[in-house]
Amino acid sequence: MNDPPRYVVPSATDATSVLRRLARDGWLTREGFAVAEPSWDLATAKLVLFGRVPDTETVRLAVLAAARGAGVVAIVDPTGEIGRALVDDLSRLGPVYQDPDDEPETDDESALSRLIPEQRALLERLADGETIAAAAAAEFLSLRTANRRIAQAREALGVRTTREAVLAYVRQRRS
């Protein structure tokens, strides 16, 4: 599974169904969205955080945990204001499931496979801390072409910012 699971479900019963399935698949489940682990990247920990999301502060905590690579099972009405905000924010990181019976796809077709070599090379250089201008020069591309390739990579990865694209690239490259 490339991305950690992200579920927004309306009831505790739905959440329990999802959590049981994830636990059978080897995920460690923990109630609450605050993350005390010292390491930033939680993707390798196979940790799923769950709980009710009553307010925007809890939305912020859940999104931060998901950005760090933790799975999220949030109990909130996905059609309400808080639920829509949570779904919108989590969707920037990857797919969000609202049906407890939906399972993330495990096929080999990942977003990385949709990137062309120039896009991968640029994202790799950005992940190593280079600027876009330096990465463009190293790849023998004009700055305009590099910016266009990065914009195409953002679209392929389903993110809005270059920083999100680099994070998504690094996370998917590891899995």
N, C-alpha and C. Protein backbone atom coordinates (compact mmCIF):
# COMPACT_ATOMS: atom_id res chain seq x y z
N MET A 1 0.85 -1.16 0.00
CA MET A 1 0.00 0.00 0.00
C MET A 1 0.90 1.23 0.00
N ASN A 2 0.75 2.12 -0.96
CA ASN A 2 1.62 3.28 -1.09
C ASN A 2 1.30 4.35 -0.07
N ASP A 3 0.06 4.72 0.05
CA ASP A 3 -0.36 5.78 0.96
C ASP A 3 -0.94 5.17 2.23
N PRO A 4 -0.72 5.84 3.36
CA PRO A 4 -1.42 5.36 4.56
C PRO A 4 -2.92 5.58 4.39
N PRO A 5 -3.73 4.77 5.03
CA PRO A 5 -5.19 4.90 4.86
C PRO A 5 -5.71 6.19 5.48
N ARG A 6 -6.65 6.81 4.78
CA ARG A 6 -7.31 8.02 5.28
C ARG A 6 -8.81 7.83 5.10
N TYR A 7 -9.52 7.72 6.23
CA TYR A 7 -10.97 7.51 6.20
C TYR A 7 -11.66 8.62 6.98
N VAL A 8 -12.75 9.10 6.43
CA VAL A 8 -13.65 10.02 7.14
C VAL A 8 -15.02 9.36 7.11
N VAL A 9 -15.46 8.88 8.27
CA VAL A 9 -16.70 8.11 8.35
C VAL A 9 -17.64 8.75 9.37
N PRO A 10 -18.96 8.55 9.18
CA PRO A 10 -19.92 9.25 10.04
C PRO A 10 -20.19 8.62 11.40
N SER A 11 -19.81 7.37 11.62
CA SER A 11 -20.18 6.74 12.89
C SER A 11 -19.04 5.90 13.46
N ALA A 12 -19.14 5.65 14.77
CA ALA A 12 -18.15 4.81 15.45
C ALA A 12 -18.21 3.37 14.93
N THR A 13 -19.39 2.92 14.53
CA THR A 13 -19.54 1.57 13.98
C THR A 13 -18.73 1.43 12.69
N ASP A 14 -18.84 2.45 11.82
CA ASP A 14 -18.07 2.43 10.57
C ASP A 14 -16.57 2.45 10.88
N ALA A 15 -16.17 3.30 11.84
CA ALA A 15 -14.76 3.39 12.21
C ALA A 15 -14.24 2.06 12.74
N THR A 16 -15.04 1.39 13.58
CA THR A 16 -14.64 0.09 14.13
C THR A 16 -14.41 -0.93 13.03
N SER A 17 -15.28 -0.93 12.03
CA SER A 17 -15.15 -1.84 10.89
C SER A 17 -13.82 -1.60 10.16
N VAL A 18 -13.51 -0.33 9.91
CA VAL A 18 -12.26 0.02 9.22
C VAL A 18 -11.06 -0.35 10.08
N LEU A 19 -11.11 -0.02 11.37
CA LEU A 19 -9.98 -0.27 12.27
C LEU A 19 -9.69 -1.76 12.42
N ARG A 20 -10.73 -2.58 12.48
CA ARG A 20 -10.52 -4.04 12.58
C ARG A 20 -9.79 -4.55 11.34
N ARG A 21 -10.23 -4.09 10.18
CA ARG A 21 -9.58 -4.52 8.93
C ARG A 21 -8.12 -4.06 8.89
N LEU A 22 -7.87 -2.82 9.28
CA LEU A 22 -6.50 -2.30 9.27
C LEU A 22 -5.62 -3.05 10.27
N ALA A 23 -6.16 -3.36 11.44
CA ALA A 23 -5.40 -4.11 12.45
C ALA A 23 -5.03 -5.50 11.92
N ARG A 24 -5.97 -6.14 11.21
CA ARG A 24 -5.66 -7.45 10.60
C ARG A 24 -4.55 -7.33 9.57
N ASP A 25 -4.46 -6.15 8.92
CA ASP A 25 -3.42 -5.93 7.91
C ASP A 25 -2.10 -5.46 8.51
N GLY A 26 -2.01 -5.45 9.84
CA GLY A 26 -0.74 -5.12 10.49
C GLY A 26 -0.58 -3.67 10.93
N TRP A 27 -1.62 -2.88 10.86
CA TRP A 27 -1.54 -1.48 11.29
C TRP A 27 -1.72 -1.41 12.80
N LEU A 28 -0.96 -0.56 13.46
CA LEU A 28 -1.10 -0.29 14.88
C LEU A 28 -2.09 0.86 15.03
N THR A 29 -3.17 0.65 15.79
CA THR A 29 -4.20 1.69 15.94
C THR A 29 -4.07 2.36 17.30
N ARG A 30 -4.30 3.68 17.30
CA ARG A 30 -4.23 4.44 18.54
C ARG A 30 -5.26 5.56 18.51
N GLU A 31 -5.98 5.73 19.62
CA GLU A 31 -7.01 6.76 19.68
C GLU A 31 -6.37 8.13 19.92
N GLY A 32 -6.91 9.13 19.23
CA GLY A 32 -6.42 10.51 19.35
C GLY A 32 -5.52 10.87 18.19
N PHE A 33 -5.46 12.15 17.86
CA PHE A 33 -4.70 12.58 16.70
C PHE A 33 -3.40 13.31 17.04
N ALA A 34 -3.16 13.57 18.32
CA ALA A 34 -1.90 14.21 18.70
C ALA A 34 -0.78 13.19 18.58
N VAL A 35 0.32 13.59 17.98
CA VAL A 35 1.44 12.68 17.74
C VAL A 35 2.62 13.11 18.60
N ALA A 36 3.05 12.22 19.48
CA ALA A 36 4.16 12.53 20.38
C ALA A 36 5.48 11.94 19.90
N GLU A 37 5.45 11.10 18.85
CA GLU A 37 6.67 10.47 18.37
C GLU A 37 7.68 11.52 17.92
N PRO A 38 8.95 11.36 18.29
CA PRO A 38 9.94 12.39 17.95
C PRO A 38 10.29 12.44 16.47
N SER A 39 10.25 11.32 15.78
CA SER A 39 10.61 11.34 14.35
C SER A 39 9.45 11.92 13.55
N TRP A 40 9.79 12.70 12.53
CA TRP A 40 8.76 13.36 11.72
C TRP A 40 8.04 12.35 10.85
N ASP A 41 8.77 11.47 10.17
CA ASP A 41 8.18 10.54 9.21
C ASP A 41 7.63 9.31 9.93
N LEU A 42 6.31 9.18 9.90
CA LEU A 42 5.65 8.05 10.56
C LEU A 42 5.22 6.96 9.58
N ALA A 43 5.57 7.12 8.31
CA ALA A 43 5.10 6.19 7.28
C ALA A 43 5.52 4.75 7.56
N THR A 44 6.72 4.57 8.07
CA THR A 44 7.20 3.20 8.29
C THR A 44 6.63 2.58 9.57
N ALA A 45 6.03 3.40 10.44
CA ALA A 45 5.50 2.91 11.71
C ALA A 45 4.18 2.16 11.55
N LYS A 46 3.51 2.30 10.40
CA LYS A 46 2.20 1.68 10.17
C LYS A 46 1.25 2.01 11.32
N LEU A 47 1.17 3.30 11.61
CA LEU A 47 0.34 3.80 12.71
C LEU A 47 -0.92 4.44 12.14
N VAL A 48 -2.07 4.05 12.71
CA VAL A 48 -3.35 4.66 12.33
C VAL A 48 -3.94 5.30 13.58
N LEU A 49 -4.21 6.60 13.47
CA LEU A 49 -4.83 7.33 14.56
C LEU A 49 -6.32 7.46 14.29
N PHE A 50 -7.14 7.38 15.33
CA PHE A 50 -8.58 7.46 15.12
C PHE A 50 -9.25 8.25 16.23
N GLY A 51 -10.45 8.70 15.93
CA GLY A 51 -11.24 9.39 16.94
C GLY A 51 -12.26 10.32 16.32
N ARG A 52 -13.04 10.95 17.19
CA ARG A 52 -14.03 11.94 16.74
C ARG A 52 -13.34 13.25 16.42
N VAL A 53 -13.91 13.98 15.47
CA VAL A 53 -13.37 15.27 15.06
C VAL A 53 -14.45 16.32 15.27
N PRO A 54 -14.49 16.93 16.46
CA PRO A 54 -15.57 17.87 16.77
C PRO A 54 -15.30 19.32 16.39
N ASP A 55 -14.01 19.67 16.12
CA ASP A 55 -13.70 21.07 15.89
C ASP A 55 -12.50 21.23 14.95
N THR A 56 -12.22 22.49 14.60
CA THR A 56 -11.14 22.76 13.64
C THR A 56 -9.76 22.45 14.22
N GLU A 57 -9.59 22.53 15.53
CA GLU A 57 -8.29 22.17 16.12
C GLU A 57 -8.01 20.68 15.93
N THR A 58 -9.04 19.86 16.07
CA THR A 58 -8.87 18.42 15.85
C THR A 58 -8.63 18.14 14.37
N VAL A 59 -9.27 18.91 13.48
CA VAL A 59 -8.99 18.79 12.04
C VAL A 59 -7.51 19.04 11.80
N ARG A 60 -6.98 20.10 12.41
CA ARG A 60 -5.57 20.45 12.23
C ARG A 60 -4.67 19.30 12.70
N LEU A 61 -4.96 18.73 13.87
CA LEU A 61 -4.16 17.63 14.39
C LEU A 61 -4.21 16.40 13.47
N ALA A 62 -5.41 16.08 12.98
CA ALA A 62 -5.56 14.91 12.10
C ALA A 62 -4.79 15.11 10.79
N VAL A 63 -4.87 16.29 10.22
CA VAL A 63 -4.18 16.57 8.97
C VAL A 63 -2.66 16.54 9.18
N LEU A 64 -2.20 17.11 10.28
CA LEU A 64 -0.77 17.08 10.58
C LEU A 64 -0.27 15.65 10.74
N ALA A 65 -1.04 14.82 11.43
CA ALA A 65 -0.66 13.41 11.59
C ALA A 65 -0.60 12.71 10.23
N ALA A 66 -1.58 12.98 9.37
CA ALA A 66 -1.60 12.37 8.04
C ALA A 66 -0.42 12.87 7.20
N ALA A 67 -0.07 14.16 7.33
CA ALA A 67 1.07 14.70 6.59
C ALA A 67 2.37 14.05 7.03
N ARG A 68 2.43 13.63 8.28
CA ARG A 68 3.62 12.96 8.79
C ARG A 68 3.65 11.47 8.42
N GLY A 69 2.61 10.96 7.76
CA GLY A 69 2.61 9.59 7.28
C GLY A 69 1.76 8.63 8.08
N ALA A 70 1.04 9.12 9.07
CA ALA A 70 0.15 8.25 9.85
C ALA A 70 -1.16 8.06 9.10
N GLY A 71 -1.79 6.92 9.28
CA GLY A 71 -3.13 6.72 8.78
C GLY A 71 -4.12 7.44 9.69
N VAL A 72 -5.28 7.76 9.15
CA VAL A 72 -6.30 8.49 9.92
C VAL A 72 -7.66 7.85 9.67
N VAL A 73 -8.39 7.60 10.76
CA VAL A 73 -9.79 7.20 10.68
C VAL A 73 -10.56 8.21 11.55
N ALA A 74 -11.20 9.16 10.89
CA ALA A 74 -11.89 10.25 11.58
C ALA A 74 -13.39 10.01 11.60
N ILE A 75 -13.98 10.22 12.76
CA ILE A 75 -15.42 10.07 12.91
C ILE A 75 -16.03 11.47 12.92
N VAL A 76 -16.67 11.82 11.83
CA VAL A 76 -17.31 13.13 11.68
C VAL A 76 -18.25 13.05 10.48
N ASP A 77 -19.31 13.83 10.50
CA ASP A 77 -20.22 13.87 9.35
C ASP A 77 -19.48 14.50 8.18
N PRO A 78 -19.19 13.73 7.12
CA PRO A 78 -18.41 14.26 6.01
C PRO A 78 -19.14 15.35 5.21
N THR A 79 -20.45 15.51 5.44
CA THR A 79 -21.19 16.54 4.72
C THR A 79 -21.30 17.83 5.52
N GLY A 80 -20.94 17.80 6.79
CA GLY A 80 -20.97 19.00 7.63
C GLY A 80 -19.76 19.89 7.37
N GLU A 81 -19.77 21.06 7.96
CA GLU A 81 -18.69 22.03 7.73
C GLU A 81 -17.33 21.48 8.16
N ILE A 82 -17.25 20.90 9.35
CA ILE A 82 -15.99 20.34 9.86
C ILE A 82 -15.56 19.15 9.00
N GLY A 83 -16.50 18.29 8.65
CA GLY A 83 -16.20 17.12 7.83
C GLY A 83 -15.70 17.49 6.45
N ARG A 84 -16.34 18.48 5.83
CA ARG A 84 -15.89 18.92 4.50
C ARG A 84 -14.48 19.51 4.57
N ALA A 85 -14.21 20.30 5.63
CA ALA A 85 -12.88 20.88 5.79
C ALA A 85 -11.83 19.78 5.94
N LEU A 86 -12.15 18.75 6.73
CA LEU A 86 -11.22 17.64 6.93
C LEU A 86 -10.98 16.89 5.63
N VAL A 87 -12.05 16.56 4.91
CA VAL A 87 -11.91 15.83 3.65
C VAL A 87 -11.08 16.65 2.66
N ASP A 88 -11.36 17.95 2.57
CA ASP A 88 -10.60 18.82 1.65
C ASP A 88 -9.12 18.82 1.99
N ASP A 89 -8.80 18.99 3.27
CA ASP A 89 -7.39 19.05 3.67
C ASP A 89 -6.69 17.70 3.48
N LEU A 90 -7.35 16.61 3.87
CA LEU A 90 -6.74 15.29 3.69
C LEU A 90 -6.57 14.93 2.22
N SER A 91 -7.49 15.40 1.38
CA SER A 91 -7.42 15.09 -0.06
C SER A 91 -6.17 15.66 -0.70
N ARG A 92 -5.62 16.68 -0.11
CA ARG A 92 -4.37 17.25 -0.64
C ARG A 92 -3.20 16.30 -0.47
N LEU A 93 -3.33 15.37 0.46
CA LEU A 93 -2.26 14.41 0.73
C LEU A 93 -2.42 13.11 -0.06
N GLY A 94 -3.63 12.83 -0.51
CA GLY A 94 -3.90 11.59 -1.22
C GLY A 94 -5.36 11.22 -1.11
N PRO A 95 -5.70 10.00 -1.53
CA PRO A 95 -7.11 9.59 -1.52
C PRO A 95 -7.68 9.52 -0.10
N VAL A 96 -8.95 9.94 0.01
CA VAL A 96 -9.68 9.88 1.27
C VAL A 96 -10.93 9.04 1.02
N TYR A 97 -11.16 8.06 1.89
CA TYR A 97 -12.29 7.16 1.72
C TYR A 97 -13.38 7.51 2.73
N GLN A 98 -14.63 7.56 2.24
CA GLN A 98 -15.75 7.89 3.11
C GLN A 98 -16.67 6.68 3.32
N ASP A 99 -16.41 5.63 2.60
CA ASP A 99 -17.17 4.39 2.76
C ASP A 99 -16.27 3.40 3.50
N PRO A 100 -16.72 2.86 4.64
CA PRO A 100 -15.86 1.94 5.40
C PRO A 100 -15.50 0.66 4.64
N ASP A 101 -16.25 0.34 3.60
CA ASP A 101 -15.96 -0.86 2.82
C ASP A 101 -14.94 -0.62 1.71
N ASP A 102 -14.64 0.66 1.44
CA ASP A 102 -13.62 0.97 0.43
C ASP A 102 -12.24 0.64 0.99
N GLU A 103 -11.42 0.05 0.14
CA GLU A 103 -10.05 -0.24 0.54
C GLU A 103 -9.11 0.43 -0.45
N PRO A 104 -8.01 0.96 0.05
CA PRO A 104 -7.04 1.55 -0.86
C PRO A 104 -6.57 0.53 -1.89
N GLU A 105 -6.39 1.01 -3.12
CA GLU A 105 -5.93 0.12 -4.18
C GLU A 105 -4.49 -0.27 -3.92
N THR A 106 -4.17 -1.51 -4.24
CA THR A 106 -2.81 -1.99 -4.02
C THR A 106 -2.14 -2.36 -5.34
N ASP A 107 -2.66 -1.84 -6.45
CA ASP A 107 -2.04 -2.20 -7.73
C ASP A 107 -0.70 -1.47 -7.86
N ASP A 108 0.08 -1.87 -8.84
CA ASP A 108 1.42 -1.31 -9.02
C ASP A 108 1.40 0.06 -9.68
N GLU A 109 0.25 0.51 -10.16
CA GLU A 109 0.12 1.80 -10.80
C GLU A 109 0.12 2.89 -9.74
N SER A 110 1.26 3.47 -9.48
CA SER A 110 1.35 4.55 -8.50
C SER A 110 1.51 5.87 -9.23
N ALA A 111 1.38 6.94 -8.50
CA ALA A 111 1.55 8.26 -9.09
C ALA A 111 2.97 8.42 -9.64
N LEU A 112 3.95 7.77 -9.01
CA LEU A 112 5.32 7.88 -9.49
C LEU A 112 5.47 7.33 -10.90
N SER A 113 4.72 6.30 -11.22
CA SER A 113 4.84 5.71 -12.55
C SER A 113 4.29 6.63 -13.63
N ARG A 114 3.50 7.64 -13.22
CA ARG A 114 2.97 8.59 -14.20
C ARG A 114 3.92 9.76 -14.45
N LEU A 115 4.99 9.85 -13.66
CA LEU A 115 5.95 10.93 -13.84
C LEU A 115 6.95 10.58 -14.92
N ILE A 116 7.31 11.58 -15.73
CA ILE A 116 8.35 11.35 -16.74
C ILE A 116 9.71 11.51 -16.06
N PRO A 117 10.77 10.97 -16.67
CA PRO A 117 12.09 11.01 -16.04
C PRO A 117 12.55 12.42 -15.64
N GLU A 118 12.26 13.44 -16.46
CA GLU A 118 12.65 14.81 -16.10
C GLU A 118 11.98 15.25 -14.81
N GLN A 119 10.70 14.90 -14.64
CA GLN A 119 9.97 15.29 -13.43
C GLN A 119 10.57 14.59 -12.21
N ARG A 120 10.87 13.31 -12.36
CA ARG A 120 11.48 12.56 -11.25
C ARG A 120 12.84 13.15 -10.87
N ALA A 121 13.64 13.47 -11.88
CA ALA A 121 14.97 14.03 -11.61
C ALA A 121 14.86 15.37 -10.89
N LEU A 122 13.94 16.21 -11.33
CA LEU A 122 13.76 17.50 -10.66
C LEU A 122 13.29 17.33 -9.22
N LEU A 123 12.30 16.46 -9.01
CA LEU A 123 11.80 16.23 -7.66
C LEU A 123 12.88 15.62 -6.76
N GLU A 124 13.70 14.76 -7.33
CA GLU A 124 14.80 14.16 -6.56
C GLU A 124 15.78 15.24 -6.11
N ARG A 125 16.12 16.16 -7.01
CA ARG A 125 17.04 17.24 -6.66
C ARG A 125 16.42 18.18 -5.63
N LEU A 126 15.13 18.47 -5.79
CA LEU A 126 14.45 19.32 -4.80
C LEU A 126 14.42 18.64 -3.44
N ALA A 127 14.21 17.32 -3.43
CA ALA A 127 14.21 16.57 -2.18
C ALA A 127 15.58 16.61 -1.51
N ASP A 128 16.63 16.75 -2.31
CA ASP A 128 17.99 16.84 -1.77
C ASP A 128 18.35 18.26 -1.34
N GLY A 129 17.39 19.19 -1.47
CA GLY A 129 17.60 20.54 -0.97
C GLY A 129 18.00 21.57 -2.01
N GLU A 130 18.07 21.19 -3.27
CA GLU A 130 18.43 22.16 -4.30
C GLU A 130 17.25 23.08 -4.60
N THR A 131 17.55 24.26 -5.10
CA THR A 131 16.51 25.17 -5.55
C THR A 131 16.03 24.72 -6.93
N ILE A 132 14.91 25.26 -7.35
CA ILE A 132 14.41 24.91 -8.69
C ILE A 132 15.41 25.36 -9.75
N ALA A 133 15.97 26.54 -9.58
CA ALA A 133 16.95 27.05 -10.55
C ALA A 133 18.17 26.14 -10.63
N ALA A 134 18.69 25.71 -9.47
CA ALA A 134 19.86 24.83 -9.46
C ALA A 134 19.53 23.47 -10.07
N ALA A 135 18.33 22.94 -9.74
CA ALA A 135 17.92 21.65 -10.29
C ALA A 135 17.76 21.75 -11.81
N ALA A 136 17.18 22.86 -12.29
CA ALA A 136 17.01 23.06 -13.73
C ALA A 136 18.36 23.09 -14.42
N ALA A 137 19.30 23.84 -13.87
CA ALA A 137 20.63 23.93 -14.48
C ALA A 137 21.31 22.57 -14.50
N ALA A 138 21.21 21.82 -13.40
CA ALA A 138 21.84 20.50 -13.33
C ALA A 138 21.24 19.51 -14.32
N GLU A 139 19.96 19.70 -14.63
CA GLU A 139 19.29 18.80 -15.57
C GLU A 139 19.29 19.36 -17.00
N PHE A 140 20.02 20.46 -17.22
CA PHE A 140 20.13 21.11 -18.52
C PHE A 140 18.77 21.53 -19.08
N LEU A 141 17.95 22.11 -18.19
CA LEU A 141 16.63 22.60 -18.56
C LEU A 141 16.58 24.10 -18.29
N SER A 142 15.76 24.81 -19.06
CA SER A 142 15.54 26.21 -18.73
C SER A 142 14.69 26.26 -17.46
N LEU A 143 14.74 27.38 -16.76
CA LEU A 143 13.94 27.53 -15.56
C LEU A 143 12.46 27.43 -15.89
N ARG A 144 12.07 27.98 -17.02
CA ARG A 144 10.67 27.91 -17.44
C ARG A 144 10.22 26.47 -17.66
N THR A 145 11.06 25.68 -18.33
CA THR A 145 10.73 24.27 -18.58
C THR A 145 10.69 23.50 -17.26
N ALA A 146 11.62 23.78 -16.38
CA ALA A 146 11.64 23.09 -15.08
C ALA A 146 10.37 23.41 -14.30
N ASN A 147 9.97 24.67 -14.29
CA ASN A 147 8.74 25.04 -13.59
C ASN A 147 7.53 24.35 -14.20
N ARG A 148 7.52 24.23 -15.52
CA ARG A 148 6.41 23.55 -16.21
C ARG A 148 6.40 22.06 -15.84
N ARG A 149 7.57 21.43 -15.84
CA ARG A 149 7.65 20.00 -15.48
C ARG A 149 7.21 19.77 -14.03
N ILE A 150 7.58 20.67 -13.15
CA ILE A 150 7.18 20.53 -11.75
C ILE A 150 5.68 20.73 -11.61
N ALA A 151 5.12 21.66 -12.35
CA ALA A 151 3.66 21.87 -12.33
C ALA A 151 2.95 20.61 -12.82
N GLN A 152 3.48 19.98 -13.86
CA GLN A 152 2.89 18.73 -14.36
C GLN A 152 3.01 17.62 -13.31
N ALA A 153 4.14 17.58 -12.61
CA ALA A 153 4.33 16.58 -11.56
C ALA A 153 3.34 16.80 -10.41
N ARG A 154 3.11 18.07 -10.05
CA ARG A 154 2.13 18.36 -9.00
C ARG A 154 0.76 17.84 -9.40
N GLU A 155 0.40 18.05 -10.66
CA GLU A 155 -0.90 17.56 -11.14
C GLU A 155 -0.96 16.04 -11.10
N ALA A 156 0.11 15.37 -11.54
CA ALA A 156 0.13 13.91 -11.55
C ALA A 156 0.06 13.34 -10.13
N LEU A 157 0.68 14.04 -9.19
CA LEU A 157 0.69 13.58 -7.81
C LEU A 157 -0.54 14.02 -7.03
N GLY A 158 -1.35 14.90 -7.63
CA GLY A 158 -2.59 15.35 -7.01
C GLY A 158 -2.38 16.30 -5.84
N VAL A 159 -1.36 17.15 -5.94
CA VAL A 159 -1.08 18.12 -4.88
C VAL A 159 -1.05 19.52 -5.47
N ARG A 160 -1.06 20.52 -4.58
CA ARG A 160 -1.12 21.91 -5.04
C ARG A 160 0.22 22.63 -5.03
N THR A 161 1.09 22.29 -4.11
CA THR A 161 2.34 23.04 -4.01
C THR A 161 3.53 22.15 -4.36
N THR A 162 4.63 22.81 -4.67
CA THR A 162 5.85 22.07 -4.98
C THR A 162 6.34 21.33 -3.75
N ARG A 163 6.22 21.95 -2.60
CA ARG A 163 6.63 21.27 -1.36
C ARG A 163 5.84 19.99 -1.15
N GLU A 164 4.51 20.04 -1.37
CA GLU A 164 3.68 18.84 -1.24
C GLU A 164 4.09 17.79 -2.26
N ALA A 165 4.47 18.23 -3.46
CA ALA A 165 4.90 17.29 -4.51
C ALA A 165 6.18 16.58 -4.09
N VAL A 166 7.13 17.33 -3.53
CA VAL A 166 8.39 16.73 -3.08
C VAL A 166 8.12 15.73 -1.96
N LEU A 167 7.26 16.10 -1.00
CA LEU A 167 6.92 15.18 0.09
C LEU A 167 6.23 13.92 -0.43
N ALA A 168 5.29 14.08 -1.36
CA ALA A 168 4.60 12.93 -1.94
C ALA A 168 5.58 12.05 -2.70
N TYR A 169 6.49 12.68 -3.43
CA TYR A 169 7.49 11.93 -4.19
C TYR A 169 8.38 11.10 -3.26
N VAL A 170 8.88 11.73 -2.20
CA VAL A 170 9.75 11.04 -1.26
C VAL A 170 9.02 9.89 -0.57
N ARG A 171 7.78 10.16 -0.16
CA ARG A 171 6.99 9.13 0.55
C ARG A 171 6.71 7.93 -0.37
N GLN A 172 6.35 8.19 -1.62
CA GLN A 172 6.02 7.09 -2.54
C GLN A 172 7.29 6.37 -3.01
N ARG A 173 8.39 7.09 -3.09
CA ARG A 173 9.65 6.46 -3.52
C ARG A 173 10.10 5.44 -2.50
N ARG A 174 9.82 5.69 -1.21
CA ARG A 174 10.21 4.77 -0.15
C ARG A 174 9.39 3.50 -0.12
N SER A 175 8.12 3.60 -0.54
CA SER A 175 7.25 2.42 -0.42
C SER A 175 7.37 1.48 -1.57
